[in-house]
Amino acid sequence: HQDGVLKARDTYEIMRAEDVGWTANKIVLGKLSGRNAFKQRLQELGVQLESEAEINAAFARFKELADQKAEIFDEDIMAIVSDEEQEHANEHYRFISLSQRS
């Protein structure tokens, strides 16, 4: 349903939220939300991840959190993305292996 609303809103909604006084019609994100709804919310929040791998990693963390919470808020998404960016920022040096000889 969320994906359908994002692709063709008039398929599922007979009127616009703005027509009845709402300033916005936000889709509630939860455990059944798909990748497209997640990407749309990132775009609404002004977040641009550099690669599909980053989007996939952030979406995987989103799904993990969504399994624990009924509704995911914008602050949750920003925390997920912030953590994801921090992980990539810390990858200047990566410890791969250690060997010891005696």
PDB file of N, CA and C in Angstrom:
ATOM      1  N   HIS A   1       0.819  -1.190   0.000  1.00  0.00           N
ATOM      2  CA  HIS A   1       0.000   0.000   0.000  1.00  0.00           C
ATOM      3  C   HIS A   1       0.867   1.260   0.000  1.00  0.00           C
ATOM      4  N   GLN A   2       1.903   1.307   0.858  1.00  0.00           N
ATOM      5  CA  GLN A   2       2.765   2.488   0.909  1.00  0.00           C
ATOM      6  C   GLN A   2       3.444   2.732  -0.426  1.00  0.00           C
ATOM      7  N   ASP A   3       3.943   1.676  -1.026  1.00  0.00           N
ATOM      8  CA  ASP A   3       4.613   1.817  -2.312  1.00  0.00           C
ATOM      9  C   ASP A   3       3.638   2.323  -3.370  1.00  0.00           C
ATOM     10  N   GLY A   4       2.414   1.829  -3.349  1.00  0.00           N
ATOM     11  CA  GLY A   4       1.398   2.287  -4.294  1.00  0.00           C
ATOM     12  C   GLY A   4       1.063   3.750  -4.112  1.00  0.00           C
ATOM     13  N   VAL A   5       0.968   4.201  -2.868  1.00  0.00           N
ATOM     14  CA  VAL A   5       0.686   5.616  -2.591  1.00  0.00           C
ATOM     15  C   VAL A   5       1.829   6.483  -3.094  1.00  0.00           C
ATOM     16  N   LEU A   6       3.053   6.022  -2.909  1.00  0.00           N
ATOM     17  CA  LEU A   6       4.197   6.795  -3.373  1.00  0.00           C
ATOM     18  C   LEU A   6       4.249   6.875  -4.894  1.00  0.00           C
ATOM     19  N   LYS A   7       3.855   5.803  -5.564  1.00  0.00           N
ATOM     20  CA  LYS A   7       3.909   5.775  -7.027  1.00  0.00           C
ATOM     21  C   LYS A   7       2.730   6.492  -7.668  1.00  0.00           C
ATOM     22  N   ALA A   8       1.520   6.243  -7.171  1.00  0.00           N
ATOM     23  CA  ALA A   8       0.310   6.846  -7.742  1.00  0.00           C
ATOM     24  C   ALA A   8      -0.682   7.084  -6.607  1.00  0.00           C
ATOM     25  N   ARG A   9      -0.561   8.221  -5.997  1.00  0.00           N
ATOM     26  CA  ARG A   9      -1.339   8.548  -4.807  1.00  0.00           C
ATOM     27  C   ARG A   9      -2.843   8.412  -5.017  1.00  0.00           C
ATOM     28  N   ASP A  10      -3.329   8.823  -6.168  1.00  0.00           N
ATOM     29  CA  ASP A  10      -4.777   8.804  -6.419  1.00  0.00           C
ATOM     30  C   ASP A  10      -5.352   7.392  -6.538  1.00  0.00           C
ATOM     31  N   THR A  11      -4.506   6.392  -6.646  1.00  0.00           N
ATOM     32  CA  THR A  11      -4.979   5.012  -6.688  1.00  0.00           C
ATOM     33  C   THR A  11      -5.596   4.596  -5.355  1.00  0.00           C
ATOM     34  N   TYR A  12      -5.013   5.080  -4.253  1.00  0.00           N
ATOM     35  CA  TYR A  12      -5.450   4.671  -2.922  1.00  0.00           C
ATOM     36  C   TYR A  12      -6.172   5.765  -2.142  1.00  0.00           C
ATOM     37  N   GLU A  13      -5.961   7.015  -2.509  1.00  0.00           N
ATOM     38  CA  GLU A  13      -6.533   8.118  -1.744  1.00  0.00           C
ATOM     39  C   GLU A  13      -7.483   8.919  -2.632  1.00  0.00           C
ATOM     40  N   ILE A  14      -8.708   9.105  -2.159  1.00  0.00           N
ATOM     41  CA  ILE A  14      -9.696   9.802  -2.982  1.00  0.00           C
ATOM     42  C   ILE A  14      -9.567  11.320  -2.888  1.00  0.00           C
ATOM     43  N   MET A  15      -8.857  11.804  -1.871  1.00  0.00           N
ATOM     44  CA  MET A  15      -8.622  13.245  -1.759  1.00  0.00           C
ATOM     45  C   MET A  15      -7.246  13.486  -1.161  1.00  0.00           C
ATOM     46  N   ARG A  16      -6.764  14.687  -1.362  1.00  0.00           N
ATOM     47  CA  ARG A  16      -5.458  15.057  -0.824  1.00  0.00           C
ATOM     48  C   ARG A  16      -5.614  15.552   0.607  1.00  0.00           C
ATOM     49  N   ALA A  17      -4.631  15.293   1.428  1.00  0.00           N
ATOM     50  CA  ALA A  17      -4.667  15.734   2.828  1.00  0.00           C
ATOM     51  C   ALA A  17      -4.776  17.253   2.915  1.00  0.00           C
ATOM     52  N   GLU A  18      -4.129  17.947   2.004  1.00  0.00           N
ATOM     53  CA  GLU A  18      -4.148  19.405   1.998  1.00  0.00           C
ATOM     54  C   GLU A  18      -5.551  19.955   1.747  1.00  0.00           C
ATOM     55  N   ASP A  19      -6.374  19.200   1.015  1.00  0.00           N
ATOM     56  CA  ASP A  19      -7.734  19.647   0.698  1.00  0.00           C
ATOM     57  C   ASP A  19      -8.644  19.679   1.923  1.00  0.00           C
ATOM     58  N   VAL A  20      -8.292  18.936   2.958  1.00  0.00           N
ATOM     59  CA  VAL A  20      -9.123  18.906   4.165  1.00  0.00           C
ATOM     60  C   VAL A  20      -8.415  19.545   5.363  1.00  0.00           C
ATOM     61  N   GLY A  21      -7.386  20.343   5.087  1.00  0.00           N
ATOM     62  CA  GLY A  21      -6.753  21.123   6.139  1.00  0.00           C
ATOM     63  C   GLY A  21      -5.473  20.582   6.725  1.00  0.00           C
ATOM     64  N   TRP A  22      -5.069  19.390   6.347  1.00  0.00           N
ATOM     65  CA  TRP A  22      -3.798  18.868   6.846  1.00  0.00           C
ATOM     66  C   TRP A  22      -2.666  19.529   6.077  1.00  0.00           C
ATOM     67  N   THR A  23      -1.584  19.812   6.765  1.00  0.00           N
ATOM     68  CA  THR A  23      -0.457  20.440   6.077  1.00  0.00           C
ATOM     69  C   THR A  23       0.420  19.407   5.377  1.00  0.00           C
ATOM     70  N   ALA A  24       0.340  18.179   5.811  1.00  0.00           N
ATOM     71  CA  ALA A  24       1.148  17.129   5.186  1.00  0.00           C
ATOM     72  C   ALA A  24       0.500  15.777   5.432  1.00  0.00           C
ATOM     73  N   ASN A  25       0.804  14.857   4.571  1.00  0.00           N
ATOM     74  CA  ASN A  25       0.319  13.493   4.721  1.00  0.00           C
ATOM     75  C   ASN A  25       1.537  12.581   4.784  1.00  0.00           C
ATOM     76  N   LYS A  26       2.003  12.321   5.989  1.00  0.00           N
ATOM     77  CA  LYS A  26       3.199  11.508   6.174  1.00  0.00           C
ATOM     78  C   LYS A  26       2.843  10.042   6.283  1.00  0.00           C
ATOM     79  N   ILE A  27       3.595   9.240   5.608  1.00  0.00           N
ATOM     80  CA  ILE A  27       3.431   7.796   5.700  1.00  0.00           C
ATOM     81  C   ILE A  27       4.110   7.329   6.985  1.00  0.00           C
ATOM     82  N   VAL A  28       3.409   6.528   7.755  1.00  0.00           N
ATOM     83  CA  VAL A  28       3.963   5.976   8.993  1.00  0.00           C
ATOM     84  C   VAL A  28       4.860   4.801   8.621  1.00  0.00           C
ATOM     85  N   LEU A  29       6.087   4.851   9.089  1.00  0.00           N
ATOM     86  CA  LEU A  29       7.028   3.778   8.797  1.00  0.00           C
ATOM     87  C   LEU A  29       7.058   2.779   9.945  1.00  0.00           C
ATOM     88  N   GLY A  30       7.046   1.506   9.588  1.00  0.00           N
ATOM     89  CA  GLY A  30       7.078   0.437  10.579  1.00  0.00           C
ATOM     90  C   GLY A  30       7.685  -0.807   9.975  1.00  0.00           C
ATOM     91  N   LYS A  31       7.450  -1.949  10.616  1.00  0.00           N
ATOM     92  CA  LYS A  31       8.122  -3.178  10.177  1.00  0.00           C
ATOM     93  C   LYS A  31       7.646  -3.677   8.813  1.00  0.00           C
ATOM     94  N   LEU A  32       6.486  -3.251   8.365  1.00  0.00           N
ATOM     95  CA  LEU A  32       6.001  -3.672   7.054  1.00  0.00           C
ATOM     96  C   LEU A  32       6.374  -2.695   5.940  1.00  0.00           C
ATOM     97  N   SER A  33       7.036  -1.608   6.294  1.00  0.00           N
ATOM     98  CA  SER A  33       7.442  -0.616   5.298  1.00  0.00           C
ATOM     99  C   SER A  33       8.553  -1.179   4.428  1.00  0.00           C
ATOM    100  N   GLY A  34       8.510  -0.812   3.176  1.00  0.00           N
ATOM    101  CA  GLY A  34       9.503  -1.299   2.235  1.00  0.00           C
ATOM    102  C   GLY A  34      10.623  -0.313   1.987  1.00  0.00           C
ATOM    103  N   ARG A  35      11.522  -0.743   1.154  1.00  0.00           N
ATOM    104  CA  ARG A  35      12.712   0.044   0.830  1.00  0.00           C
ATOM    105  C   ARG A  35      12.352   1.372   0.176  1.00  0.00           C
ATOM    106  N   ASN A  36      11.346   1.368  -0.692  1.00  0.00           N
ATOM    107  CA  ASN A  36      10.959   2.590  -1.387  1.00  0.00           C
ATOM    108  C   ASN A  36      10.442   3.644  -0.413  1.00  0.00           C
ATOM    109  N   ALA A  37       9.627   3.239   0.552  1.00  0.00           N
ATOM    110  CA  ALA A  37       9.117   4.172   1.562  1.00  0.00           C
ATOM    111  C   ALA A  37      10.271   4.713   2.410  1.00  0.00           C
ATOM    112  N   PHE A  38      11.227   3.860   2.732  1.00  0.00           N
ATOM    113  CA  PHE A  38      12.396   4.286   3.506  1.00  0.00           C
ATOM    114  C   PHE A  38      13.214   5.310   2.720  1.00  0.00           C
ATOM    115  N   LYS A  39      13.465   5.020   1.444  1.00  0.00           N
ATOM    116  CA  LYS A  39      14.225   5.949   0.604  1.00  0.00           C
ATOM    117  C   LYS A  39      13.496   7.281   0.449  1.00  0.00           C
ATOM    118  N   GLN A  40      12.175   7.226   0.319  1.00  0.00           N
ATOM    119  CA  GLN A  40      11.372   8.441   0.200  1.00  0.00           C
ATOM    120  C   GLN A  40      11.518   9.301   1.457  1.00  0.00           C
ATOM    121  N   ARG A  41      11.475   8.663   2.626  1.00  0.00           N
ATOM    122  CA  ARG A  41      11.612   9.422   3.875  1.00  0.00           C
ATOM    123  C   ARG A  41      13.008  10.025   3.989  1.00  0.00           C
ATOM    124  N   LEU A  42      14.036   9.286   3.565  1.00  0.00           N
ATOM    125  CA  LEU A  42      15.389   9.844   3.559  1.00  0.00           C
ATOM    126  C   LEU A  42      15.431  11.105   2.712  1.00  0.00           C
ATOM    127  N   GLN A  43      14.802  11.040   1.555  1.00  0.00           N
ATOM    128  CA  GLN A  43      14.768  12.190   0.653  1.00  0.00           C
ATOM    129  C   GLN A  43      14.032  13.364   1.300  1.00  0.00           C
ATOM    130  N   GLU A  44      12.903  13.097   1.955  1.00  0.00           N
ATOM    131  CA  GLU A  44      12.146  14.149   2.635  1.00  0.00           C
ATOM    132  C   GLU A  44      12.965  14.800   3.744  1.00  0.00           C
ATOM    133  N   LEU A  45      13.811  14.015   4.392  1.00  0.00           N
ATOM    134  CA  LEU A  45      14.647  14.522   5.478  1.00  0.00           C
ATOM    135  C   LEU A  45      15.915  15.202   4.962  1.00  0.00           C
ATOM    136  N   GLY A  46      16.129  15.165   3.645  1.00  0.00           N
ATOM    137  CA  GLY A  46      17.304  15.795   3.062  1.00  0.00           C
ATOM    138  C   GLY A  46      18.571  14.979   3.207  1.00  0.00           C
ATOM    139  N   VAL A  47      18.408  13.686   3.410  1.00  0.00           N
ATOM    140  CA  VAL A  47      19.554  12.789   3.597  1.00  0.00           C
ATOM    141  C   VAL A  47      19.901  12.150   2.264  1.00  0.00           C
ATOM    142  N   GLN A  48      21.177  12.245   1.896  1.00  0.00           N
ATOM    143  CA  GLN A  48      21.631  11.580   0.684  1.00  0.00           C
ATOM    144  C   GLN A  48      22.778  10.659   1.037  1.00  0.00           C
ATOM    145  N   LEU A  49      22.547   9.388   0.870  1.00  0.00           N
ATOM    146  CA  LEU A  49      23.609   8.418   1.079  1.00  0.00           C
ATOM    147  C   LEU A  49      24.324   8.232  -0.247  1.00  0.00           C
ATOM    148  N   GLU A  50      25.618   8.011  -0.178  1.00  0.00           N
ATOM    149  CA  GLU A  50      26.452   8.040  -1.373  1.00  0.00           C
ATOM    150  C   GLU A  50      26.297   6.836  -2.290  1.00  0.00           C
ATOM    151  N   SER A  51      25.986   5.691  -1.735  1.00  0.00           N
ATOM    152  CA  SER A  51      25.948   4.495  -2.575  1.00  0.00           C
ATOM    153  C   SER A  51      24.764   3.610  -2.210  1.00  0.00           C
ATOM    154  N   GLU A  52      24.464   2.692  -3.090  1.00  0.00           N
ATOM    155  CA  GLU A  52      23.401   1.716  -2.821  1.00  0.00           C
ATOM    156  C   GLU A  52      23.769   0.838  -1.627  1.00  0.00           C
ATOM    157  N   ALA A  53      25.061   0.578  -1.458  1.00  0.00           N
ATOM    158  CA  ALA A  53      25.507  -0.230  -0.316  1.00  0.00           C
ATOM    159  C   ALA A  53      25.170   0.475   0.997  1.00  0.00           C
ATOM    160  N   GLU A  54      25.349   1.794   1.047  1.00  0.00           N
ATOM    161  CA  GLU A  54      25.010   2.555   2.253  1.00  0.00           C
ATOM    162  C   GLU A  54      23.502   2.548   2.489  1.00  0.00           C
ATOM    163  N   ILE A  55      22.730   2.686   1.423  1.00  0.00           N
ATOM    164  CA  ILE A  55      21.267   2.637   1.544  1.00  0.00           C
ATOM    165  C   ILE A  55      20.840   1.265   2.049  1.00  0.00           C
ATOM    166  N   ASN A  56      21.417   0.216   1.485  1.00  0.00           N
ATOM    167  CA  ASN A  56      21.076  -1.147   1.910  1.00  0.00           C
ATOM    168  C   ASN A  56      21.421  -1.386   3.376  1.00  0.00           C
ATOM    169  N   ALA A  57      22.581  -0.901   3.802  1.00  0.00           N
ATOM    170  CA  ALA A  57      22.990  -1.078   5.198  1.00  0.00           C
ATOM    171  C   ALA A  57      22.062  -0.306   6.131  1.00  0.00           C
ATOM    172  N   ALA A  58      21.718   0.921   5.756  1.00  0.00           N
ATOM    173  CA  ALA A  58      20.807   1.728   6.576  1.00  0.00           C
ATOM    174  C   ALA A  58      19.422   1.090   6.614  1.00  0.00           C
ATOM    175  N   PHE A  59      18.969   0.554   5.488  1.00  0.00           N
ATOM    176  CA  PHE A  59      17.655  -0.088   5.442  1.00  0.00           C
ATOM    177  C   PHE A  59      17.638  -1.349   6.310  1.00  0.00           C
ATOM    178  N   ALA A  60      18.725  -2.091   6.310  1.00  0.00           N
ATOM    179  CA  ALA A  60      18.811  -3.293   7.153  1.00  0.00           C
ATOM    180  C   ALA A  60      18.712  -2.909   8.630  1.00  0.00           C
ATOM    181  N   ARG A  61      19.384  -1.835   9.017  1.00  0.00           N
ATOM    182  CA  ARG A  61      19.296  -1.366  10.411  1.00  0.00           C
ATOM    183  C   ARG A  61      17.893  -0.857  10.716  1.00  0.00           C
ATOM    184  N   PHE A  62      17.269  -0.211   9.742  1.00  0.00           N
ATOM    185  CA  PHE A  62      15.886   0.256   9.895  1.00  0.00           C
ATOM    186  C   PHE A  62      14.961  -0.933  10.168  1.00  0.00           C
ATOM    187  N   LYS A  63      15.109  -2.005   9.401  1.00  0.00           N
ATOM    188  CA  LYS A  63      14.259  -3.188   9.579  1.00  0.00           C
ATOM    189  C   LYS A  63      14.492  -3.840  10.946  1.00  0.00           C
ATOM    190  N   GLU A  64      15.737  -3.866  11.399  1.00  0.00           N
ATOM    191  CA  GLU A  64      16.030  -4.407  12.731  1.00  0.00           C
ATOM    192  C   GLU A  64      15.303  -3.605  13.806  1.00  0.00           C
ATOM    193  N   LEU A  65      15.366  -2.280  13.685  1.00  0.00           N
ATOM    194  CA  LEU A  65      14.699  -1.422  14.658  1.00  0.00           C
ATOM    195  C   LEU A  65      13.184  -1.550  14.550  1.00  0.00           C
ATOM    196  N   ALA A  66      12.687  -1.660  13.326  1.00  0.00           N
ATOM    197  CA  ALA A  66      11.240  -1.767  13.107  1.00  0.00           C
ATOM    198  C   ALA A  66      10.675  -3.055  13.700  1.00  0.00           C
ATOM    199  N   ASP A  67      11.485  -4.086  13.800  1.00  0.00           N
ATOM    200  CA  ASP A  67      11.039  -5.327  14.443  1.00  0.00           C
ATOM    201  C   ASP A  67      10.847  -5.139  15.946  1.00  0.00           C
ATOM    202  N   GLN A  68      11.490  -4.116  16.500  1.00  0.00           N
ATOM    203  CA  GLN A  68      11.418  -3.867  17.943  1.00  0.00           C
ATOM    204  C   GLN A  68      10.414  -2.779  18.310  1.00  0.00           C
ATOM    205  N   LYS A  69      10.134  -1.864  17.379  1.00  0.00           N
ATOM    206  CA  LYS A  69       9.246  -0.734  17.653  1.00  0.00           C
ATOM    207  C   LYS A  69       8.056  -0.761  16.707  1.00  0.00           C
ATOM    208  N   ALA A  70       6.929  -0.241  17.162  1.00  0.00           N
ATOM    209  CA  ALA A  70       5.734  -0.204  16.317  1.00  0.00           C
ATOM    210  C   ALA A  70       5.859   0.856  15.228  1.00  0.00           C
ATOM    211  N   GLU A  71       6.421   2.000  15.564  1.00  0.00           N
ATOM    212  CA  GLU A  71       6.534   3.103  14.607  1.00  0.00           C
ATOM    213  C   GLU A  71       7.941   3.667  14.658  1.00  0.00           C
ATOM    214  N   ILE A  72       8.491   3.937  13.489  1.00  0.00           N
ATOM    215  CA  ILE A  72       9.821   4.517  13.391  1.00  0.00           C
ATOM    216  C   ILE A  72       9.662   6.008  13.112  1.00  0.00           C
ATOM    217  N   PHE A  73      10.268   6.817  13.952  1.00  0.00           N
ATOM    218  CA  PHE A  73      10.168   8.268  13.824  1.00  0.00           C
ATOM    219  C   PHE A  73      11.350   8.819  13.030  1.00  0.00           C
ATOM    220  N   ASP A  74      11.222  10.079  12.590  1.00  0.00           N
ATOM    221  CA  ASP A  74      12.293  10.715  11.833  1.00  0.00           C
ATOM    222  C   ASP A  74      13.601  10.736  12.628  1.00  0.00           C
ATOM    223  N   GLU A  75      13.503  10.930  13.932  1.00  0.00           N
ATOM    224  CA  GLU A  75      14.696  10.941  14.781  1.00  0.00           C
ATOM    225  C   GLU A  75      15.394   9.580  14.768  1.00  0.00           C
ATOM    226  N   ASP A  76      14.620   8.518  14.696  1.00  0.00           N
ATOM    227  CA  ASP A  76      15.205   7.174  14.606  1.00  0.00           C
ATOM    228  C   ASP A  76      15.980   7.023  13.302  1.00  0.00           C
ATOM    229  N   ILE A  77      15.386   7.504  12.227  1.00  0.00           N
ATOM    230  CA  ILE A  77      16.038   7.400  10.916  1.00  0.00           C
ATOM    231  C   ILE A  77      17.319   8.222  10.898  1.00  0.00           C
ATOM    232  N   MET A  78      17.263   9.427  11.466  1.00  0.00           N
ATOM    233  CA  MET A  78      18.461  10.259  11.502  1.00  0.00           C
ATOM    234  C   MET A  78      19.560   9.592  12.332  1.00  0.00           C
ATOM    235  N   ALA A  79      19.190   8.924  13.415  1.00  0.00           N
ATOM    236  CA  ALA A  79      20.176   8.210  14.232  1.00  0.00           C
ATOM    237  C   ALA A  79      20.780   7.045  13.455  1.00  0.00           C
ATOM    238  N   ILE A  80      19.944   6.321  12.720  1.00  0.00           N
ATOM    239  CA  ILE A  80      20.431   5.207  11.900  1.00  0.00           C
ATOM    240  C   ILE A  80      21.427   5.711  10.871  1.00  0.00           C
ATOM    241  N   VAL A  81      21.070   6.779  10.180  1.00  0.00           N
ATOM    242  CA  VAL A  81      21.930   7.330   9.129  1.00  0.00           C
ATOM    243  C   VAL A  81      23.202   7.904   9.734  1.00  0.00           C
ATOM    244  N   SER A  82      23.080   8.563  10.866  1.00  0.00           N
ATOM    245  CA  SER A  82      24.244   9.131  11.540  1.00  0.00           C
ATOM    246  C   SER A  82      25.218   8.030  11.940  1.00  0.00           C
ATOM    247  N   ASP A  83      24.688   6.944  12.493  1.00  0.00           N
ATOM    248  CA  ASP A  83      25.535   5.806  12.860  1.00  0.00           C
ATOM    249  C   ASP A  83      26.202   5.206  11.631  1.00  0.00           C
ATOM    250  N   GLU A  84      25.442   5.112  10.544  1.00  0.00           N
ATOM    251  CA  GLU A  84      25.963   4.544   9.297  1.00  0.00           C
ATOM    252  C   GLU A  84      27.098   5.411   8.752  1.00  0.00           C
ATOM    253  N   GLU A  85      26.904   6.733   8.760  1.00  0.00           N
ATOM    254  CA  GLU A  85      27.936   7.647   8.274  1.00  0.00           C
ATOM    255  C   GLU A  85      29.165   7.597   9.170  1.00  0.00           C
ATOM    256  N   GLN A  86      28.949   7.478  10.476  1.00  0.00           N
ATOM    257  CA  GLN A  86      30.059   7.411  11.424  1.00  0.00           C
ATOM    258  C   GLN A  86      30.888   6.149  11.194  1.00  0.00           C
ATOM    259  N   GLU A  87      30.222   5.034  10.915  1.00  0.00           N
ATOM    260  CA  GLU A  87      30.946   3.792  10.646  1.00  0.00           C
ATOM    261  C   GLU A  87      31.839   3.946   9.425  1.00  0.00           C
ATOM    262  N   HIS A  88      31.322   4.602   8.379  1.00  0.00           N
ATOM    263  CA  HIS A  88      32.122   4.786   7.168  1.00  0.00           C
ATOM    264  C   HIS A  88      33.236   5.804   7.396  1.00  0.00           C
ATOM    265  N   ALA A  89      32.992   6.800   8.234  1.00  0.00           N
ATOM    266  CA  ALA A  89      34.018   7.796   8.531  1.00  0.00           C
ATOM    267  C   ALA A  89      35.180   7.170   9.287  1.00  0.00           C
ATOM    268  N   ASN A  90      34.905   6.156  10.072  1.00  0.00           N
ATOM    269  CA  ASN A  90      35.942   5.499  10.861  1.00  0.00           C
ATOM    270  C   ASN A  90      36.695   4.434  10.076  1.00  0.00           C
ATOM    271  N   GLU A  91      36.409   4.280   8.816  1.00  0.00           N
ATOM    272  CA  GLU A  91      37.042   3.226   8.030  1.00  0.00           C
ATOM    273  C   GLU A  91      38.298   3.687   7.298  1.00  0.00           C
ATOM    274  N   HIS A  92      38.960   4.706   7.817  1.00  0.00           N
ATOM    275  CA  HIS A  92      40.215   5.121   7.196  1.00  0.00           C
ATOM    276  C   HIS A  92      41.256   4.013   7.334  1.00  0.00           C
ATOM    277  N   TYR A  93      41.242   3.399   8.494  1.00  0.00           N
ATOM    278  CA  TYR A  93      42.131   2.277   8.756  1.00  0.00           C
ATOM    279  C   TYR A  93      41.288   1.134   9.285  1.00  0.00           C
ATOM    280  N   ARG A  94      41.543  -0.017   8.777  1.00  0.00           N
ATOM    281  CA  ARG A  94      40.787  -1.182   9.229  1.00  0.00           C
ATOM    282  C   ARG A  94      41.770  -2.282   9.603  1.00  0.00           C
ATOM    283  N   PHE A  95      41.584  -2.833  10.784  1.00  0.00           N
ATOM    284  CA  PHE A  95      42.406  -3.937  11.258  1.00  0.00           C
ATOM    285  C   PHE A  95      41.875  -5.210  10.622  1.00  0.00           C
ATOM    286  N   ILE A  96      42.688  -5.850   9.816  1.00  0.00           N
ATOM    287  CA  ILE A  96      42.228  -7.021   9.077  1.00  0.00           C
ATOM    288  C   ILE A  96      42.695  -8.319   9.721  1.00  0.00           C
ATOM    289  N   SER A  97      43.960  -8.385  10.089  1.00  0.00           N
ATOM    290  CA  SER A  97      44.432  -9.634  10.686  1.00  0.00           C
ATOM    291  C   SER A  97      45.641  -9.376  11.580  1.00  0.00           C
ATOM    292  N   LEU A  98      45.936 -10.376  12.368  1.00  0.00           N
ATOM    293  CA  LEU A  98      47.081 -10.320  13.271  1.00  0.00           C
ATOM    294  C   LEU A  98      47.716 -11.698  13.283  1.00  0.00           C
ATOM    295  N   SER A  99      49.005 -11.715  13.150  1.00  0.00           N
ATOM    296  CA  SER A  99      49.694 -13.001  13.282  1.00  0.00           C
ATOM    297  C   SER A  99      50.867 -12.823  14.240  1.00  0.00           C
ATOM    298  N   GLN A 100      51.154 -13.876  14.964  1.00  0.00           N
ATOM    299  CA  GLN A 100      52.235 -13.828  15.946  1.00  0.00           C
ATOM    300  C   GLN A 100      53.154 -15.010  15.704  1.00  0.00           C
ATOM    301  N   ARG A 101      54.426 -14.744  15.721  1.00  0.00           N
ATOM    302  CA  ARG A 101      55.410 -15.810  15.530  1.00  0.00           C
ATOM    303  C   ARG A 101      56.365 -15.814  16.706  1.00  0.00           C
ATOM    304  N   SER A 102      56.770 -16.993  17.077  1.00  0.00           N
ATOM    305  CA  SER A 102      57.725 -17.071  18.197  1.00  0.00           C
ATOM    306  C   SER A 102      58.927 -17.896  17.828  1.00  0.00           C
TER     307      SER A 102
END
